N, C-alpha and C. Protein backbone atom coordinates (compact mmCIF):
# COMPACT_ATOMS: atom_id res chain seq x y z
N MET A 1 -74.50 123.63 101.72
CA MET A 1 -74.61 123.53 100.28
C MET A 1 -73.23 123.34 99.66
N LEU A 2 -72.25 124.11 100.07
CA LEU A 2 -70.90 123.97 99.53
C LEU A 2 -70.29 122.62 99.90
N GLY A 3 -70.65 122.12 101.06
CA GLY A 3 -70.17 120.81 101.48
C GLY A 3 -70.66 119.72 100.54
N ASP A 4 -71.90 119.84 100.06
CA ASP A 4 -72.43 118.87 99.11
C ASP A 4 -71.66 118.89 97.80
N LEU A 5 -71.28 120.06 97.36
CA LEU A 5 -70.54 120.19 96.10
C LEU A 5 -69.16 119.56 96.20
N THR A 6 -68.48 119.78 97.31
CA THR A 6 -67.14 119.21 97.46
C THR A 6 -67.19 117.71 97.66
N GLU A 7 -68.29 117.20 98.16
CA GLU A 7 -68.40 115.76 98.35
C GLU A 7 -68.72 115.04 97.04
N THR A 8 -69.39 115.69 96.12
CA THR A 8 -69.79 115.03 94.88
C THR A 8 -68.74 115.16 93.78
N TRP A 9 -67.87 116.15 93.83
CA TRP A 9 -66.84 116.35 92.80
C TRP A 9 -65.48 115.97 93.37
N SER A 10 -64.78 115.15 92.65
CA SER A 10 -63.41 114.85 93.05
C SER A 10 -62.50 115.92 92.45
N PHE A 11 -61.28 115.93 92.91
CA PHE A 11 -60.31 116.89 92.37
C PHE A 11 -60.10 116.67 90.89
N GLY A 12 -60.04 115.42 90.46
CA GLY A 12 -59.84 115.10 89.04
C GLY A 12 -60.98 115.59 88.18
N GLN A 13 -62.21 115.46 88.66
CA GLN A 13 -63.36 115.94 87.91
C GLN A 13 -63.34 117.46 87.79
N ALA A 14 -63.01 118.12 88.88
CA ALA A 14 -62.95 119.59 88.85
C ALA A 14 -61.84 120.06 87.92
N ALA A 15 -60.66 119.43 87.99
CA ALA A 15 -59.55 119.81 87.12
C ALA A 15 -59.89 119.54 85.66
N GLY A 16 -60.54 118.42 85.40
CA GLY A 16 -60.94 118.10 84.03
C GLY A 16 -61.95 119.09 83.48
N THR A 17 -62.90 119.48 84.32
CA THR A 17 -63.90 120.46 83.91
C THR A 17 -63.25 121.81 83.62
N LEU A 18 -62.36 122.24 84.48
CA LEU A 18 -61.67 123.52 84.24
C LEU A 18 -60.82 123.46 82.98
N ALA A 19 -60.15 122.34 82.75
CA ALA A 19 -59.35 122.19 81.53
C ALA A 19 -60.22 122.24 80.29
N ALA A 20 -61.39 121.59 80.34
CA ALA A 20 -62.31 121.61 79.21
C ALA A 20 -62.83 123.02 78.95
N ILE A 21 -63.16 123.75 80.00
CA ILE A 21 -63.61 125.13 79.84
C ILE A 21 -62.52 125.99 79.23
N PHE A 22 -61.29 125.80 79.66
CA PHE A 22 -60.17 126.56 79.11
C PHE A 22 -59.98 126.27 77.63
N VAL A 23 -60.04 125.01 77.24
CA VAL A 23 -59.86 124.63 75.83
C VAL A 23 -61.00 125.20 74.98
N ILE A 24 -62.22 125.11 75.47
CA ILE A 24 -63.36 125.67 74.72
C ILE A 24 -63.21 127.18 74.58
N TYR A 25 -62.75 127.85 75.62
CA TYR A 25 -62.52 129.30 75.55
C TYR A 25 -61.45 129.64 74.51
N GLN A 26 -60.35 128.89 74.51
CA GLN A 26 -59.28 129.16 73.56
C GLN A 26 -59.75 128.94 72.12
N ILE A 27 -60.49 127.87 71.89
CA ILE A 27 -61.02 127.60 70.54
C ILE A 27 -61.98 128.71 70.12
N SER A 28 -62.82 129.17 71.03
CA SER A 28 -63.75 130.25 70.68
C SER A 28 -63.00 131.54 70.37
N GLN A 29 -61.90 131.80 71.06
CA GLN A 29 -61.09 132.98 70.77
C GLN A 29 -60.49 132.91 69.38
N VAL A 30 -59.98 131.75 69.00
CA VAL A 30 -59.40 131.58 67.67
C VAL A 30 -60.46 131.77 66.59
N ILE A 31 -61.64 131.18 66.78
CA ILE A 31 -62.73 131.34 65.81
C ILE A 31 -63.13 132.79 65.69
N TYR A 32 -63.25 133.48 66.82
CA TYR A 32 -63.60 134.91 66.77
C TYR A 32 -62.55 135.71 66.02
N ARG A 33 -61.28 135.50 66.36
CA ARG A 33 -60.21 136.27 65.74
C ARG A 33 -60.11 136.03 64.24
N LEU A 34 -60.37 134.81 63.79
CA LEU A 34 -60.24 134.49 62.37
C LEU A 34 -61.45 134.87 61.53
N PHE A 35 -62.65 134.87 62.12
CA PHE A 35 -63.85 135.05 61.32
C PHE A 35 -64.73 136.24 61.70
N PHE A 36 -64.77 136.65 62.95
CA PHE A 36 -65.73 137.66 63.38
C PHE A 36 -65.11 138.97 63.86
N SER A 37 -63.82 139.00 64.06
CA SER A 37 -63.15 140.20 64.52
C SER A 37 -63.22 141.29 63.44
N PRO A 38 -63.25 142.55 63.84
CA PRO A 38 -63.26 143.62 62.84
C PRO A 38 -62.03 143.60 61.94
N ILE A 39 -60.97 143.01 62.38
CA ILE A 39 -59.75 142.97 61.57
C ILE A 39 -59.49 141.59 60.98
N ALA A 40 -60.54 140.76 60.90
CA ALA A 40 -60.39 139.40 60.39
C ALA A 40 -59.99 139.38 58.92
N ASN A 41 -60.29 140.41 58.19
CA ASN A 41 -59.98 140.43 56.75
C ASN A 41 -58.63 141.05 56.43
N PHE A 42 -57.87 141.41 57.44
CA PHE A 42 -56.53 141.94 57.17
C PHE A 42 -55.66 140.85 56.57
N PRO A 43 -54.78 141.20 55.65
CA PRO A 43 -53.90 140.18 55.08
C PRO A 43 -52.84 139.74 56.09
N GLY A 44 -52.35 138.55 55.91
CA GLY A 44 -51.31 138.04 56.78
C GLY A 44 -51.54 136.59 57.12
N PRO A 45 -50.57 135.96 57.76
CA PRO A 45 -50.72 134.56 58.11
C PRO A 45 -51.81 134.37 59.16
N LYS A 46 -52.64 133.37 58.95
CA LYS A 46 -53.75 133.13 59.87
C LYS A 46 -53.28 132.69 61.25
N LEU A 47 -52.16 132.00 61.34
CA LEU A 47 -51.63 131.61 62.64
C LEU A 47 -51.26 132.85 63.46
N ALA A 48 -50.72 133.86 62.82
CA ALA A 48 -50.37 135.10 63.51
C ALA A 48 -51.63 135.84 63.96
N ALA A 49 -52.70 135.73 63.18
CA ALA A 49 -53.95 136.38 63.55
C ALA A 49 -54.67 135.63 64.67
N ALA A 50 -54.46 134.33 64.76
CA ALA A 50 -55.20 133.51 65.71
C ALA A 50 -54.57 133.45 67.09
N THR A 51 -53.26 133.43 67.16
CA THR A 51 -52.59 133.22 68.45
C THR A 51 -51.35 134.10 68.56
N LEU A 52 -50.82 134.16 69.76
CA LEU A 52 -49.54 134.84 69.99
C LEU A 52 -48.34 133.92 69.80
N TRP A 53 -48.60 132.65 69.50
CA TRP A 53 -47.51 131.68 69.35
C TRP A 53 -46.61 132.01 68.16
N TYR A 54 -47.16 132.63 67.15
CA TYR A 54 -46.38 133.01 65.97
C TYR A 54 -45.28 134.01 66.36
N GLU A 55 -45.67 135.04 67.07
CA GLU A 55 -44.70 136.03 67.54
C GLU A 55 -43.74 135.42 68.56
N PHE A 56 -44.24 134.59 69.44
CA PHE A 56 -43.40 133.92 70.43
C PHE A 56 -42.32 133.09 69.74
N TYR A 57 -42.69 132.38 68.70
CA TYR A 57 -41.72 131.54 67.98
C TYR A 57 -40.57 132.38 67.44
N TYR A 58 -40.87 133.48 66.79
CA TYR A 58 -39.81 134.29 66.19
C TYR A 58 -39.03 135.10 67.22
N ASP A 59 -39.68 135.50 68.30
CA ASP A 59 -38.98 136.28 69.33
C ASP A 59 -38.16 135.41 70.27
N VAL A 60 -38.67 134.25 70.63
CA VAL A 60 -37.99 133.42 71.64
C VAL A 60 -37.18 132.30 70.99
N ILE A 61 -37.82 131.50 70.16
CA ILE A 61 -37.14 130.36 69.55
C ILE A 61 -36.12 130.83 68.51
N LYS A 62 -36.52 131.77 67.68
CA LYS A 62 -35.61 132.31 66.65
C LYS A 62 -34.79 133.49 67.17
N GLN A 63 -34.85 133.75 68.44
CA GLN A 63 -34.04 134.75 69.14
C GLN A 63 -34.18 136.17 68.57
N GLY A 64 -35.41 136.66 68.58
CA GLY A 64 -35.64 138.06 68.22
C GLY A 64 -35.74 138.35 66.75
N ARG A 65 -36.16 137.39 65.95
CA ARG A 65 -36.25 137.57 64.50
C ARG A 65 -37.63 138.04 64.03
N TYR A 66 -38.51 138.35 64.96
CA TYR A 66 -39.86 138.75 64.57
C TYR A 66 -39.85 140.05 63.77
N GLU A 67 -38.99 140.95 64.11
CA GLU A 67 -38.90 142.22 63.37
C GLU A 67 -38.58 141.97 61.90
N TRP A 68 -37.66 141.04 61.64
CA TRP A 68 -37.31 140.72 60.26
C TRP A 68 -38.44 139.96 59.58
N LYS A 69 -39.14 139.13 60.33
CA LYS A 69 -40.27 138.41 59.76
C LYS A 69 -41.37 139.37 59.37
N ILE A 70 -41.60 140.40 60.17
CA ILE A 70 -42.60 141.41 59.83
C ILE A 70 -42.23 142.09 58.51
N LYS A 71 -40.98 142.44 58.32
CA LYS A 71 -40.55 143.05 57.06
C LYS A 71 -40.78 142.11 55.88
N GLU A 72 -40.49 140.83 56.09
CA GLU A 72 -40.72 139.84 55.04
C GLU A 72 -42.21 139.70 54.72
N LEU A 73 -43.04 139.74 55.75
CA LEU A 73 -44.48 139.64 55.54
C LEU A 73 -45.03 140.86 54.83
N HIS A 74 -44.45 142.04 55.08
CA HIS A 74 -44.86 143.24 54.36
C HIS A 74 -44.59 143.07 52.87
N GLU A 75 -43.46 142.49 52.54
CA GLU A 75 -43.15 142.26 51.13
C GLU A 75 -44.12 141.26 50.51
N GLN A 76 -44.52 140.27 51.27
CA GLN A 76 -45.40 139.23 50.76
C GLN A 76 -46.86 139.67 50.69
N TYR A 77 -47.37 140.35 51.73
CA TYR A 77 -48.79 140.66 51.82
C TYR A 77 -49.15 142.11 51.52
N GLY A 78 -48.18 142.98 51.41
CA GLY A 78 -48.47 144.37 51.14
C GLY A 78 -48.17 145.26 52.34
N ALA A 79 -48.69 146.48 52.29
CA ALA A 79 -48.30 147.49 53.26
C ALA A 79 -48.87 147.26 54.66
N SER A 80 -50.06 146.67 54.78
CA SER A 80 -50.67 146.50 56.10
C SER A 80 -50.89 145.03 56.40
N LEU A 81 -50.53 144.62 57.59
CA LEU A 81 -50.85 143.28 58.06
C LEU A 81 -51.05 143.34 59.55
N TYR A 82 -51.70 142.32 60.09
CA TYR A 82 -52.10 142.36 61.49
C TYR A 82 -51.43 141.24 62.27
N SER A 83 -51.05 141.57 63.49
CA SER A 83 -50.53 140.59 64.43
C SER A 83 -51.24 140.82 65.75
N LEU A 84 -51.34 139.80 66.57
CA LEU A 84 -52.07 139.92 67.83
C LEU A 84 -51.32 140.68 68.90
N SER A 85 -50.16 141.19 68.60
CA SER A 85 -49.41 141.90 69.62
C SER A 85 -49.95 143.32 69.83
N LYS A 86 -51.22 143.50 69.55
CA LYS A 86 -51.95 144.75 69.79
C LYS A 86 -51.58 145.87 68.83
N PHE A 87 -50.92 145.54 67.73
CA PHE A 87 -50.54 146.54 66.76
C PHE A 87 -50.92 146.10 65.37
N CYS A 88 -51.31 147.03 64.57
CA CYS A 88 -51.46 146.77 63.14
C CYS A 88 -50.22 147.34 62.50
N TYR A 89 -49.40 146.49 61.95
CA TYR A 89 -48.14 146.94 61.36
C TYR A 89 -48.40 147.51 59.99
N SER A 90 -47.80 148.63 59.72
CA SER A 90 -47.95 149.26 58.42
C SER A 90 -46.58 149.70 57.92
N ASN A 91 -46.33 149.36 56.69
CA ASN A 91 -45.09 149.75 56.05
C ASN A 91 -45.43 150.84 55.06
N SER A 92 -45.41 152.06 55.50
CA SER A 92 -45.85 153.18 54.66
C SER A 92 -44.73 153.68 53.74
N ASN A 93 -43.58 153.04 53.75
CA ASN A 93 -42.50 153.46 52.88
C ASN A 93 -42.72 152.99 51.46
N LYS A 94 -43.63 152.08 51.24
CA LYS A 94 -43.88 151.56 49.89
C LYS A 94 -44.97 152.31 49.23
């Protein structure tokens, strides 16, 4: 049975199928995070809520400026905002 499967699928077809599954999974994760997650209504930039690329950009490309960006976002959106880095940031000093 496994021999039949390997004979009918080429490597390109299998790689394409896996890539399509990965893209569909990523899109479903973004939709869930933006619309159906319990914290979907938290204030903050939607890109930060949808992916980790927002934090990656400020930490890696901007060389560790995410901490300052969080402070700026607190001023813009209020005391609580959400990021996908597994923390809900809260600025309780205000």
